[in-house]
PDB file of all heavy atoms in Angstrom:
ATOM      1  N   ASP A   1     -11.688   2.290  19.712  1.00  0.00           N
ATOM      2  CA  ASP A   1     -11.137   2.297  21.068  1.00  0.00           C
ATOM      3  C   ASP A   1     -10.984   0.882  21.621  1.00  0.00           C
ATOM      4  O   ASP A   1     -10.047   0.601  22.370  1.00  0.00           O
ATOM      5  CB  ASP A   1     -12.035   3.116  21.992  1.00  0.00           C
ATOM      6  CG  ASP A   1     -11.936   4.612  21.728  1.00  0.00           C
ATOM      7  OD1 ASP A   1     -10.961   5.047  21.071  1.00  0.00           O
ATOM      8  OD2 ASP A   1     -12.839   5.344  22.170  1.00  0.00           O
ATOM      9  N   SER A   2     -11.882   0.010  21.238  1.00  0.00           N
ATOM     10  CA  SER A   2     -11.894  -1.345  21.801  1.00  0.00           C
ATOM     11  C   SER A   2     -10.691  -2.190  21.363  1.00  0.00           C
ATOM     12  O   SER A   2     -10.409  -3.215  21.988  1.00  0.00           O
ATOM     13  CB  SER A   2     -13.184  -2.068  21.404  1.00  0.00           C
ATOM     14  OG  SER A   2     -13.296  -2.143  19.991  1.00  0.00           O
ATOM     15  N   VAL A   3      -9.991  -1.761  20.317  1.00  0.00           N
ATOM     16  CA  VAL A   3      -8.862  -2.571  19.829  1.00  0.00           C
ATOM     17  C   VAL A   3      -7.526  -1.844  19.944  1.00  0.00           C
ATOM     18  O   VAL A   3      -6.479  -2.435  19.649  1.00  0.00           O
ATOM     19  CB  VAL A   3      -9.086  -3.020  18.366  1.00  0.00           C
ATOM     20  CG1 VAL A   3     -10.422  -3.742  18.226  1.00  0.00           C
ATOM     21  CG2 VAL A   3      -8.982  -1.858  17.399  1.00  0.00           C
ATOM     22  N   LYS A   4      -7.547  -0.602  20.353  1.00  0.00           N
ATOM     23  CA  LYS A   4      -6.298   0.159  20.479  1.00  0.00           C
ATOM     24  C   LYS A   4      -5.335  -0.550  21.422  1.00  0.00           C
ATOM     25  O   LYS A   4      -5.717  -0.996  22.504  1.00  0.00           O
ATOM     26  CB  LYS A   4      -6.582   1.571  20.990  1.00  0.00           C
ATOM     27  CG  LYS A   4      -7.129   2.509  19.940  1.00  0.00           C
ATOM     28  CD  LYS A   4      -7.377   3.890  20.512  1.00  0.00           C
ATOM     29  CE  LYS A   4      -7.946   4.819  19.441  1.00  0.00           C
ATOM     30  NZ  LYS A   4      -8.278   6.163  20.007  1.00  0.00           N
ATOM     31  N   GLY A   5      -4.090  -0.660  20.987  1.00  0.00           N
ATOM     32  CA  GLY A   5      -3.069  -1.305  21.790  1.00  0.00           C
ATOM     33  C   GLY A   5      -3.016  -2.815  21.617  1.00  0.00           C
ATOM     34  O   GLY A   5      -2.078  -3.465  22.079  1.00  0.00           O
ATOM     35  N   ARG A   6      -4.027  -3.378  20.938  1.00  0.00           N
ATOM     36  CA  ARG A   6      -4.052  -4.838  20.718  1.00  0.00           C
ATOM     37  C   ARG A   6      -3.949  -5.193  19.229  1.00  0.00           C
ATOM     38  O   ARG A   6      -3.364  -6.212  18.868  1.00  0.00           O
ATOM     39  CB  ARG A   6      -5.342  -5.442  21.278  1.00  0.00           C
ATOM     40  CG  ARG A   6      -5.519  -5.227  22.758  1.00  0.00           C
ATOM     41  CD  ARG A   6      -6.721  -6.026  23.293  1.00  0.00           C
ATOM     42  NE  ARG A   6      -7.980  -5.609  22.684  1.00  0.00           N
ATOM     43  CZ  ARG A   6      -8.807  -6.441  22.047  1.00  0.00           C
ATOM     44  NH1 ARG A   6      -8.514  -7.709  21.910  1.00  0.00           N
ATOM     45  NH2 ARG A   6      -9.950  -5.977  21.538  1.00  0.00           N
ATOM     46  N   PHE A   7      -4.545  -4.357  18.387  1.00  0.00           N
ATOM     47  CA  PHE A   7      -4.554  -4.616  16.945  1.00  0.00           C
ATOM     48  C   PHE A   7      -3.682  -3.594  16.241  1.00  0.00           C
ATOM     49  O   PHE A   7      -3.609  -2.433  16.653  1.00  0.00           O
ATOM     50  CB  PHE A   7      -5.973  -4.511  16.389  1.00  0.00           C
ATOM     51  CG  PHE A   7      -6.931  -5.573  16.837  1.00  0.00           C
ATOM     52  CD1 PHE A   7      -6.611  -6.490  17.834  1.00  0.00           C
ATOM     53  CD2 PHE A   7      -8.189  -5.656  16.256  1.00  0.00           C
ATOM     54  CE1 PHE A   7      -7.504  -7.456  18.246  1.00  0.00           C
ATOM     55  CE2 PHE A   7      -9.100  -6.625  16.648  1.00  0.00           C
ATOM     56  CZ  PHE A   7      -8.755  -7.518  17.645  1.00  0.00           C
ATOM     57  N   THR A   8      -3.059  -4.034  15.155  1.00  0.00           N
ATOM     58  CA  THR A   8      -2.252  -3.140  14.327  1.00  0.00           C
ATOM     59  C   THR A   8      -2.611  -3.341  12.866  1.00  0.00           C
ATOM     60  O   THR A   8      -2.565  -4.470  12.360  1.00  0.00           O
ATOM     61  CB  THR A   8      -0.753  -3.407  14.520  1.00  0.00           C
ATOM     62  OG1 THR A   8      -0.408  -3.227  15.894  1.00  0.00           O
ATOM     63  CG2 THR A   8       0.075  -2.443  13.675  1.00  0.00           C
ATOM     64  N   ILE A   9      -2.967  -2.242  12.198  1.00  0.00           N
ATOM     65  CA  ILE A   9      -3.270  -2.292  10.772  1.00  0.00           C
ATOM     66  C   ILE A   9      -2.062  -1.809   9.993  1.00  0.00           C
ATOM     67  O   ILE A   9      -1.353  -0.881  10.417  1.00  0.00           O
ATOM     68  CB  ILE A   9      -4.525  -1.456  10.430  1.00  0.00           C
ATOM     69  CG1 ILE A   9      -4.989  -1.720   8.999  1.00  0.00           C
ATOM     70  CG2 ILE A   9      -4.297   0.039  10.673  1.00  0.00           C
ATOM     71  CD1 ILE A   9      -6.362  -1.132   8.679  1.00  0.00           C
ATOM     72  N   SER A  10      -1.816  -2.453   8.866  1.00  0.00           N
ATOM     73  CA  SER A  10      -0.727  -2.040   7.991  1.00  0.00           C
ATOM     74  C   SER A  10      -1.119  -2.348   6.554  1.00  0.00           C
ATOM     75  O   SER A  10      -2.116  -3.035   6.308  1.00  0.00           O
ATOM     76  CB  SER A  10       0.577  -2.759   8.361  1.00  0.00           C
ATOM     77  OG  SER A  10       0.436  -4.163   8.229  1.00  0.00           O
ATOM     78  N   ARG A  11      -0.346  -1.850   5.619  1.00  0.00           N
ATOM     79  CA  ARG A  11      -0.657  -2.109   4.218  1.00  0.00           C
ATOM     80  C   ARG A  11       0.607  -2.100   3.391  1.00  0.00           C
ATOM     81  O   ARG A  11       1.614  -1.483   3.755  1.00  0.00           O
ATOM     82  CB  ARG A  11      -1.667  -1.099   3.674  1.00  0.00           C
ATOM     83  CG  ARG A  11      -1.204   0.330   3.643  1.00  0.00           C
ATOM     84  CD  ARG A  11      -2.330   1.274   3.196  1.00  0.00           C
ATOM     85  NE  ARG A  11      -2.626   1.143   1.773  1.00  0.00           N
ATOM     86  CZ  ARG A  11      -3.698   1.676   1.186  1.00  0.00           C
ATOM     87  NH1 ARG A  11      -4.591   2.344   1.907  1.00  0.00           N
ATOM     88  NH2 ARG A  11      -3.887   1.532  -0.116  1.00  0.00           N
ATOM     89  N   ASP A  12       0.500  -2.781   2.254  1.00  0.00           N
ATOM     90  CA  ASP A  12       1.558  -2.799   1.256  1.00  0.00           C
ATOM     91  C   ASP A  12       0.952  -2.218  -0.016  1.00  0.00           C
ATOM     92  O   ASP A  12       0.169  -2.890  -0.693  1.00  0.00           O
ATOM     93  CB  ASP A  12       2.045  -4.237   1.038  1.00  0.00           C
ATOM     94  CG  ASP A  12       3.210  -4.323   0.071  1.00  0.00           C
ATOM     95  OD1 ASP A  12       3.342  -3.455  -0.810  1.00  0.00           O
ATOM     96  OD2 ASP A  12       3.978  -5.284   0.173  1.00  0.00           O
ATOM     97  N   ASN A  13       1.276  -0.982  -0.309  1.00  0.00           N
ATOM     98  CA  ASN A  13       0.658  -0.324  -1.460  1.00  0.00           C
ATOM     99  C   ASN A  13       1.022  -0.993  -2.776  1.00  0.00           C
ATOM    100  O   ASN A  13       0.214  -1.028  -3.702  1.00  0.00           O
ATOM    101  CB  ASN A  13       1.059   1.152  -1.503  1.00  0.00           C
ATOM    102  CG  ASN A  13       0.298   1.989  -0.494  1.00  0.00           C
ATOM    103  OD1 ASN A  13      -0.807   1.653  -0.078  1.00  0.00           O
ATOM    104  ND2 ASN A  13       0.880   3.100  -0.075  1.00  0.00           N
ATOM    105  N   ALA A  14       2.222  -1.531  -2.852  1.00  0.00           N
ATOM    106  CA  ALA A  14       2.649  -2.179  -4.096  1.00  0.00           C
ATOM    107  C   ALA A  14       1.803  -3.423  -4.381  1.00  0.00           C
ATOM    108  O   ALA A  14       1.593  -3.782  -5.542  1.00  0.00           O
ATOM    109  CB  ALA A  14       4.117  -2.543  -4.021  1.00  0.00           C
ATOM    110  N   LYS A  15       1.322  -4.060  -3.315  1.00  0.00           N
ATOM    111  CA  LYS A  15       0.526  -5.280  -3.460  1.00  0.00           C
ATOM    112  C   LYS A  15      -0.959  -5.034  -3.280  1.00  0.00           C
ATOM    113  O   LYS A  15      -1.753  -5.975  -3.376  1.00  0.00           O
ATOM    114  CB  LYS A  15       0.990  -6.325  -2.442  1.00  0.00           C
ATOM    115  CG  LYS A  15       2.419  -6.803  -2.635  1.00  0.00           C
ATOM    116  CD  LYS A  15       2.778  -7.842  -1.586  1.00  0.00           C
ATOM    117  CE  LYS A  15       4.206  -8.338  -1.765  1.00  0.00           C
ATOM    118  NZ  LYS A  15       4.568  -9.349  -0.731  1.00  0.00           N
ATOM    119  N   ASN A  16      -1.335  -3.778  -3.018  1.00  0.00           N
ATOM    120  CA  ASN A  16      -2.750  -3.461  -2.732  1.00  0.00           C
ATOM    121  C   ASN A  16      -3.317  -4.398  -1.673  1.00  0.00           C
ATOM    122  O   ASN A  16      -4.423  -4.944  -1.816  1.00  0.00           O
ATOM    123  CB  ASN A  16      -3.592  -3.528  -4.005  1.00  0.00           C
ATOM    124  CG  ASN A  16      -3.253  -2.403  -4.965  1.00  0.00           C
ATOM    125  OD1 ASN A  16      -3.051  -1.262  -4.563  1.00  0.00           O
ATOM    126  ND2 ASN A  16      -3.161  -2.731  -6.240  1.00  0.00           N
ATOM    127  N   THR A  17      -2.555  -4.584  -0.621  1.00  0.00           N
ATOM    128  CA  THR A  17      -2.921  -5.521   0.435  1.00  0.00           C
ATOM    129  C   THR A  17      -2.905  -4.806   1.772  1.00  0.00           C
ATOM    130  O   THR A  17      -2.003  -4.005   2.048  1.00  0.00           O
ATOM    131  CB  THR A  17      -1.952  -6.712   0.458  1.00  0.00           C
ATOM    132  OG1 THR A  17      -2.046  -7.399  -0.798  1.00  0.00           O
ATOM    133  CG2 THR A  17      -2.299  -7.676   1.570  1.00  0.00           C
ATOM    134  N   VAL A  18      -3.902  -5.119   2.583  1.00  0.00           N
ATOM    135  CA  VAL A  18      -3.972  -4.578   3.934  1.00  0.00           C
ATOM    136  C   VAL A  18      -3.971  -5.740   4.921  1.00  0.00           C
ATOM    137  O   VAL A  18      -4.499  -6.817   4.630  1.00  0.00           O
ATOM    138  CB  VAL A  18      -5.225  -3.689   4.124  1.00  0.00           C
ATOM    139  CG1 VAL A  18      -6.511  -4.494   3.952  1.00  0.00           C
ATOM    140  CG2 VAL A  18      -5.209  -2.977   5.455  1.00  0.00           C
ATOM    141  N   TYR A  19      -3.339  -5.511   6.056  1.00  0.00           N
ATOM    142  CA  TYR A  19      -3.196  -6.542   7.087  1.00  0.00           C
ATOM    143  C   TYR A  19      -3.787  -6.046   8.400  1.00  0.00           C
ATOM    144  O   TYR A  19      -3.830  -4.847   8.671  1.00  0.00           O
ATOM    145  CB  TYR A  19      -1.723  -6.884   7.298  1.00  0.00           C
ATOM    146  CG  TYR A  19      -0.989  -7.256   6.037  1.00  0.00           C
ATOM    147  CD1 TYR A  19      -0.253  -6.294   5.333  1.00  0.00           C
ATOM    148  CD2 TYR A  19      -1.024  -8.555   5.550  1.00  0.00           C
ATOM    149  CE1 TYR A  19       0.419  -6.626   4.172  1.00  0.00           C
ATOM    150  CE2 TYR A  19      -0.356  -8.888   4.381  1.00  0.00           C
ATOM    151  CZ  TYR A  19       0.365  -7.924   3.695  1.00  0.00           C
ATOM    152  OH  TYR A  19       1.022  -8.249   2.541  1.00  0.00           O
ATOM    153  N   LEU A  20      -4.201  -6.988   9.215  1.00  0.00           N
ATOM    154  CA  LEU A  20      -4.628  -6.676  10.571  1.00  0.00           C
ATOM    155  C   LEU A  20      -3.986  -7.694  11.502  1.00  0.00           C
ATOM    156  O   LEU A  20      -4.353  -8.868  11.487  1.00  0.00           O
ATOM    157  CB  LEU A  20      -6.149  -6.710  10.706  1.00  0.00           C
ATOM    158  CG  LEU A  20      -6.680  -6.247  12.058  1.00  0.00           C
ATOM    159  CD1 LEU A  20      -6.450  -4.741  12.241  1.00  0.00           C
ATOM    160  CD2 LEU A  20      -8.168  -6.565  12.205  1.00  0.00           C
ATOM    161  N   GLN A  21      -3.005  -7.232  12.253  1.00  0.00           N
ATOM    162  CA  GLN A  21      -2.378  -8.079  13.257  1.00  0.00           C
ATOM    163  C   GLN A  21      -3.156  -7.925  14.548  1.00  0.00           C
ATOM    164  O   GLN A  21      -3.239  -6.825  15.098  1.00  0.00           O
ATOM    165  CB  GLN A  21      -0.912  -7.671  13.464  1.00  0.00           C
ATOM    166  CG  GLN A  21      -0.187  -8.489  14.503  1.00  0.00           C
ATOM    167  CD  GLN A  21      -0.029  -9.934  14.088  1.00  0.00           C
ATOM    168  OE1 GLN A  21       0.389 -10.236  12.964  1.00  0.00           O
ATOM    169  NE2 GLN A  21      -0.354 -10.845  14.991  1.00  0.00           N
ATOM    170  N   MET A  22      -3.712  -9.015  15.013  1.00  0.00           N
ATOM    171  CA  MET A  22      -4.545  -9.000  16.213  1.00  0.00           C
ATOM    172  C   MET A  22      -3.853  -9.798  17.304  1.00  0.00           C
ATOM    173  O   MET A  22      -3.455 -10.946  17.076  1.00  0.00           O
ATOM    174  CB  MET A  22      -5.918  -9.606  15.916  1.00  0.00           C
ATOM    175  CG  MET A  22      -6.633  -8.943  14.749  1.00  0.00           C
ATOM    176  SD  MET A  22      -8.306  -9.580  14.507  1.00  0.00           S
ATOM    177  CE  MET A  22      -7.930 -11.245  13.975  1.00  0.00           C
ATOM    178  N   SER A  23      -3.722  -9.201  18.459  1.00  0.00           N
ATOM    179  CA  SER A  23      -3.149  -9.894  19.597  1.00  0.00           C
ATOM    180  C   SER A  23      -4.019  -9.628  20.813  1.00  0.00           C
ATOM    181  O   SER A  23      -4.882  -8.743  20.799  1.00  0.00           O
ATOM    182  CB  SER A  23      -1.707  -9.431  19.846  1.00  0.00           C
ATOM    183  OG  SER A  23      -1.669  -8.045  20.109  1.00  0.00           O
ATOM    184  N   GLY A  24      -3.781 -10.395  21.866  1.00  0.00           N
ATOM    185  CA  GLY A  24      -4.606 -10.244  23.060  1.00  0.00           C
ATOM    186  C   GLY A  24      -6.079 -10.443  22.771  1.00  0.00           C
ATOM    187  O   GLY A  24      -6.924  -9.738  23.326  1.00  0.00           O
ATOM    188  N   LEU A  25      -6.388 -11.412  21.928  1.00  0.00           N
ATOM    189  CA  LEU A  25      -7.776 -11.595  21.497  1.00  0.00           C
ATOM    190  C   LEU A  25      -8.678 -12.004  22.654  1.00  0.00           C
ATOM    191  O   LEU A  25      -8.277 -12.747  23.559  1.00  0.00           O
ATOM    192  CB  LEU A  25      -7.839 -12.612  20.367  1.00  0.00           C
ATOM    193  CG  LEU A  25      -7.398 -12.039  19.009  1.00  0.00           C
ATOM    194  CD1 LEU A  25      -7.030 -13.140  18.037  1.00  0.00           C
ATOM    195  CD2 LEU A  25      -8.504 -11.163  18.428  1.00  0.00           C
ATOM    196  N   ARG A  26      -9.905 -11.496  22.582  1.00  0.00           N
ATOM    197  CA  ARG A  26     -10.907 -11.715  23.611  1.00  0.00           C
ATOM    198  C   ARG A  26     -12.154 -12.327  23.000  1.00  0.00           C
ATOM    199  O   ARG A  26     -12.386 -12.173  21.795  1.00  0.00           O
ATOM    200  CB  ARG A  26     -11.269 -10.370  24.257  1.00  0.00           C
ATOM    201  CG  ARG A  26     -10.095  -9.586  24.795  1.00  0.00           C
ATOM    202  CD  ARG A  26     -10.491  -8.155  25.105  1.00  0.00           C
ATOM    203  NE  ARG A  26      -9.377  -7.371  25.628  1.00  0.00           N
ATOM    204  CZ  ARG A  26      -9.388  -6.055  25.770  1.00  0.00           C
ATOM    205  NH1 ARG A  26     -10.481  -5.367  25.433  1.00  0.00           N
ATOM    206  NH2 ARG A  26      -8.336  -5.419  26.250  1.00  0.00           N
ATOM    207  N   PRO A  27     -12.974 -12.973  23.808  1.00  0.00           N
ATOM    208  CA  PRO A  27     -14.225 -13.527  23.243  1.00  0.00           C
ATOM    209  C   PRO A  27     -15.068 -12.466  22.536  1.00  0.00           C
ATOM    210  O   PRO A  27     -15.719 -12.780  21.524  1.00  0.00           O
ATOM    211  CB  PRO A  27     -14.932 -14.070  24.483  1.00  0.00           C
ATOM    212  CG  PRO A  27     -13.820 -14.444  25.409  1.00  0.00           C
ATOM    213  CD  PRO A  27     -12.771 -13.392  25.206  1.00  0.00           C
ATOM    214  N   GLU A  28     -15.044 -11.256  23.018  1.00  0.00           N
ATOM    215  CA  GLU A  28     -15.838 -10.195  22.389  1.00  0.00           C
ATOM    216  C   GLU A  28     -15.282  -9.752  21.032  1.00  0.00           C
ATOM    217  O   GLU A  28     -15.912  -8.958  20.335  1.00  0.00           O
ATOM    218  CB  GLU A  28     -15.973  -8.975  23.306  1.00  0.00           C
ATOM    219  CG  GLU A  28     -14.657  -8.407  23.806  1.00  0.00           C
ATOM    220  CD  GLU A  28     -14.290  -8.926  25.196  1.00  0.00           C
ATOM    221  OE1 GLU A  28     -14.520 -10.126  25.474  1.00  0.00           O
ATOM    222  OE2 GLU A  28     -13.750  -8.109  25.991  1.00  0.00           O
ATOM    223  N   ASP A  29     -14.129 -10.258  20.650  1.00  0.00           N
ATOM    224  CA  ASP A  29     -13.596  -9.994  19.315  1.00  0.00           C
ATOM    225  C   ASP A  29     -14.170 -10.962  18.272  1.00  0.00           C
ATOM    226  O   ASP A  29     -13.906 -10.798  17.077  1.00  0.00           O
ATOM    227  CB  ASP A  29     -12.067 -10.106  19.300  1.00  0.00           C
ATOM    228  CG  ASP A  29     -11.396  -9.043  20.141  1.00  0.00           C
ATOM    229  OD1 ASP A  29     -11.818  -7.869  20.071  1.00  0.00           O
ATOM    230  OD2 ASP A  29     -10.436  -9.383  20.867  1.00  0.00           O
ATOM    231  N   THR A  30     -14.922 -11.950  18.733  1.00  0.00           N
ATOM    232  CA  THR A  30     -15.537 -12.904  17.817  1.00  0.00           C
ATOM    233  C   THR A  30     -16.480 -12.187  16.863  1.00  0.00           C
ATOM    234  O   THR A  30     -17.384 -11.468  17.288  1.00  0.00           O
ATOM    235  CB  THR A  30     -16.308 -13.975  18.593  1.00  0.00           C
ATOM    236  OG1 THR A  30     -15.373 -14.752  19.353  1.00  0.00           O
ATOM    237  CG2 THR A  30     -17.079 -14.885  17.652  1.00  0.00           C
ATOM    238  N   ALA A  31     -16.243 -12.378  15.569  1.00  0.00           N
ATOM    239  CA  ALA A  31     -17.045 -11.690  14.548  1.00  0.00           C
ATOM    240  C   ALA A  31     -16.580 -12.132  13.171  1.00  0.00           C
ATOM    241  O   ALA A  31     -15.521 -12.761  13.027  1.00  0.00           O
ATOM    242  CB  ALA A  31     -16.892 -10.177  14.672  1.00  0.00           C
ATOM    243  N   VAL A  32     -17.368 -11.765  12.182  1.00  0.00           N
ATOM    244  CA  VAL A  32     -16.896 -11.837  10.808  1.00  0.00           C
ATOM    245  C   VAL A  32     -16.181 -10.524  10.513  1.00  0.00           C
ATOM    246  O   VAL A  32     -16.738  -9.440  10.734  1.00  0.00           O
ATOM    247  CB  VAL A  32     -18.053 -12.058   9.812  1.00  0.00           C
ATOM    248  CG1 VAL A  32     -17.525 -12.050   8.379  1.00  0.00           C
ATOM    249  CG2 VAL A  32     -18.770 -13.363  10.115  1.00  0.00           C
ATOM    250  N   TYR A  33     -14.967 -10.622  10.048  1.00  0.00           N
ATOM    251  CA  TYR A  33     -14.155  -9.445   9.757  1.00  0.00           C
ATOM    252  C   TYR A  33     -14.176  -9.194   8.247  1.00  0.00           C
ATOM    253  O   TYR A  33     -13.858 -10.093   7.456  1.00  0.00           O
ATOM    254  CB  TYR A  33     -12.728  -9.651  10.253  1.00  0.00           C
ATOM    255  CG  TYR A  33     -12.618  -9.494  11.753  1.00  0.00           C
ATOM    256  CD1 TYR A  33     -13.169 -10.440  12.615  1.00  0.00           C
ATOM    257  CD2 TYR A  33     -11.990  -8.386  12.311  1.00  0.00           C
ATOM    258  CE1 TYR A  33     -13.095 -10.282  13.988  1.00  0.00           C
ATOM    259  CE2 TYR A  33     -11.905  -8.214  13.675  1.00  0.00           C
ATOM    260  CZ  TYR A  33     -12.466  -9.174  14.509  1.00  0.00           C
ATOM    261  OH  TYR A  33     -12.392  -9.013  15.879  1.00  0.00           O
ATOM    262  N   TYR A  34     -14.553  -7.973   7.897  1.00  0.00           N
ATOM    263  CA  TYR A  34     -14.672  -7.576   6.511  1.00  0.00           C
ATOM    264  C   TYR A  34     -13.609  -6.544   6.151  1.00  0.00           C
ATOM    265  O   TYR A  34     -13.335  -5.611   6.928  1.00  0.00           O
ATOM    266  CB  TYR A  34     -16.044  -6.963   6.237  1.00  0.00           C
ATOM    267  CG  TYR A  34     -17.195  -7.901   6.419  1.00  0.00           C
ATOM    268  CD1 TYR A  34     -17.835  -8.009   7.655  1.00  0.00           C
ATOM    269  CD2 TYR A  34     -17.664  -8.685   5.361  1.00  0.00           C
ATOM    270  CE1 TYR A  34     -18.909  -8.868   7.820  1.00  0.00           C
ATOM    271  CE2 TYR A  34     -18.737  -9.540   5.528  1.00  0.00           C
ATOM    272  CZ  TYR A  34     -19.349  -9.627   6.764  1.00  0.00           C
ATOM    273  OH  TYR A  34     -20.409 -10.482   6.935  1.00  0.00           O
ATOM    274  N   CYS A  35     -13.089  -6.675   4.972  1.00  0.00           N
ATOM    275  CA  CYS A  35     -12.156  -5.706   4.420  1.00  0.00           C
ATOM    276  C   CYS A  35     -12.927  -4.730   3.535  1.00  0.00           C
ATOM    277  O   CYS A  35     -13.859  -5.130   2.822  1.00  0.00           O
ATOM    278  CB  CYS A  35     -11.112  -6.451   3.591  1.00  0.00           C
ATOM    279  SG  CYS A  35      -9.953  -5.423   2.699  1.00  0.00           S
ATOM    280  N   LYS A  36     -12.562  -3.460   3.603  1.00  0.00           N
ATOM    281  CA  LYS A  36     -13.186  -2.451   2.762  1.00  0.00           C
ATOM    282  C   LYS A  36     -12.141  -1.572   2.097  1.00  0.00           C
ATOM    283  O   LYS A  36     -11.140  -1.205   2.716  1.00  0.00           O
ATOM    284  CB  LYS A  36     -14.118  -1.563   3.587  1.00  0.00           C
ATOM    285  CG  LYS A  36     -14.969  -0.617   2.737  1.00  0.00           C
ATOM    286  CD  LYS A  36     -15.856   0.285   3.582  1.00  0.00           C
ATOM    287  CE  LYS A  36     -15.168   1.559   3.965  1.00  0.00           C
ATOM    288  NZ  LYS A  36     -16.108   2.537   4.559  1.00  0.00           N
ATOM    289  N   LEU A  37     -12.400  -1.254   0.852  1.00  0.00           N
ATOM    290  CA  LEU A  37     -11.576  -0.293   0.114  1.00  0.00           C
ATOM    291  C   LEU A  37     -12.461   0.886  -0.255  1.00  0.00           C
ATOM    292  O   LEU A  37     -13.506   0.692  -0.882  1.00  0.00           O
ATOM    293  CB  LEU A  37     -11.002  -0.932  -1.145  1.00  0.00           C
ATOM    294  CG  LEU A  37     -10.334   0.022  -2.144  1.00  0.00           C
ATOM    295  CD1 LEU A  37      -9.063   0.612  -1.554  1.00  0.00           C
ATOM    296  CD2 LEU A  37     -10.036  -0.696  -3.456  1.00  0.00           C
ATOM    297  N   GLY A  38     -12.073   2.067   0.160  1.00  0.00           N
ATOM    298  CA  GLY A  38     -12.774   3.288  -0.210  1.00  0.00           C
ATOM    299  C   GLY A  38     -11.952   4.066  -1.222  1.00  0.00           C
ATOM    300  O   GLY A  38     -10.783   4.377  -0.963  1.00  0.00           O
ATOM    301  N   MET A  39     -12.568   4.353  -2.360  1.00  0.00           N
ATOM    302  CA  MET A  39     -11.805   4.983  -3.459  1.00  0.00           C
ATOM    303  C   MET A  39     -12.754   5.835  -4.291  1.00  0.00           C
ATOM    304  O   MET A  39     -13.760   5.316  -4.779  1.00  0.00           O
ATOM    305  CB  MET A  39     -11.150   3.886  -4.295  1.00  0.00           C
ATOM    306  CG  MET A  39     -10.298   4.349  -5.440  1.00  0.00           C
ATOM    307  SD  MET A  39      -9.491   2.939  -6.264  1.00  0.00           S
ATOM    308  CE  MET A  39     -10.899   2.028  -6.882  1.00  0.00           C
ATOM    309  N   PHE A  40     -12.439   7.112  -4.403  1.00  0.00           N
ATOM    310  CA  PHE A  40     -13.218   8.040  -5.233  1.00  0.00           C
ATOM    311  C   PHE A  40     -14.716   7.974  -4.930  1.00  0.00           C
ATOM    312  O   PHE A  40     -15.545   7.944  -5.845  1.00  0.00           O
ATOM    313  CB  PHE A  40     -12.966   7.778  -6.721  1.00  0.00           C
ATOM    314  CG  PHE A  40     -11.526   7.937  -7.108  1.00  0.00           C
ATOM    315  CD1 PHE A  40     -10.882   6.978  -7.853  1.00  0.00           C
ATOM    316  CD2 PHE A  40     -10.794   9.044  -6.697  1.00  0.00           C
ATOM    317  CE1 PHE A  40      -9.532   7.111  -8.207  1.00  0.00           C
ATOM    318  CE2 PHE A  40      -9.452   9.191  -7.031  1.00  0.00           C
ATOM    319  CZ  PHE A  40      -8.823   8.211  -7.797  1.00  0.00           C
ATOM    320  N   GLY A  41     -15.031   7.963  -3.646  1.00  0.00           N
ATOM    321  CA  GLY A  41     -16.419   8.013  -3.224  1.00  0.00           C
ATOM    322  C   GLY A  41     -17.173   6.703  -3.274  1.00  0.00           C
ATOM    323  O   GLY A  41     -18.371   6.667  -2.972  1.00  0.00           O
ATOM    324  N   ARG A  42     -16.497   5.622  -3.608  1.00  0.00           N
ATOM    325  CA  ARG A  42     -17.159   4.318  -3.646  1.00  0.00           C
ATOM    326  C   ARG A  42     -16.496   3.386  -2.648  1.00  0.00           C
ATOM    327  O   ARG A  42     -15.286   3.484  -2.408  1.00  0.00           O
ATOM    328  CB  ARG A  42     -17.093   3.715  -5.043  1.00  0.00           C
ATOM    329  CG  ARG A  42     -17.921   4.436  -6.083  1.00  0.00           C
ATOM    330  CD  ARG A  42     -18.026   3.618  -7.347  1.00  0.00           C
ATOM    331  NE  ARG A  42     -18.706   2.333  -7.124  1.00  0.00           N
ATOM    332  CZ  ARG A  42     -18.946   1.443  -8.078  1.00  0.00           C
ATOM    333  NH1 ARG A  42     -18.547   1.689  -9.331  1.00  0.00           N
ATOM    334  NH2 ARG A  42     -19.552   0.310  -7.807  1.00  0.00           N
TER     335      ARG A  42
END
């Protein structure tokens, strides 16, 4: 909920790449951002 309307996630399946477009950034968005892939229960 905290990022709805400000962040947009997208992916390119051919490249196995995911993107996060972040706009309207706020001090409370400060963090380490981690990417995760979930596949077959792992």
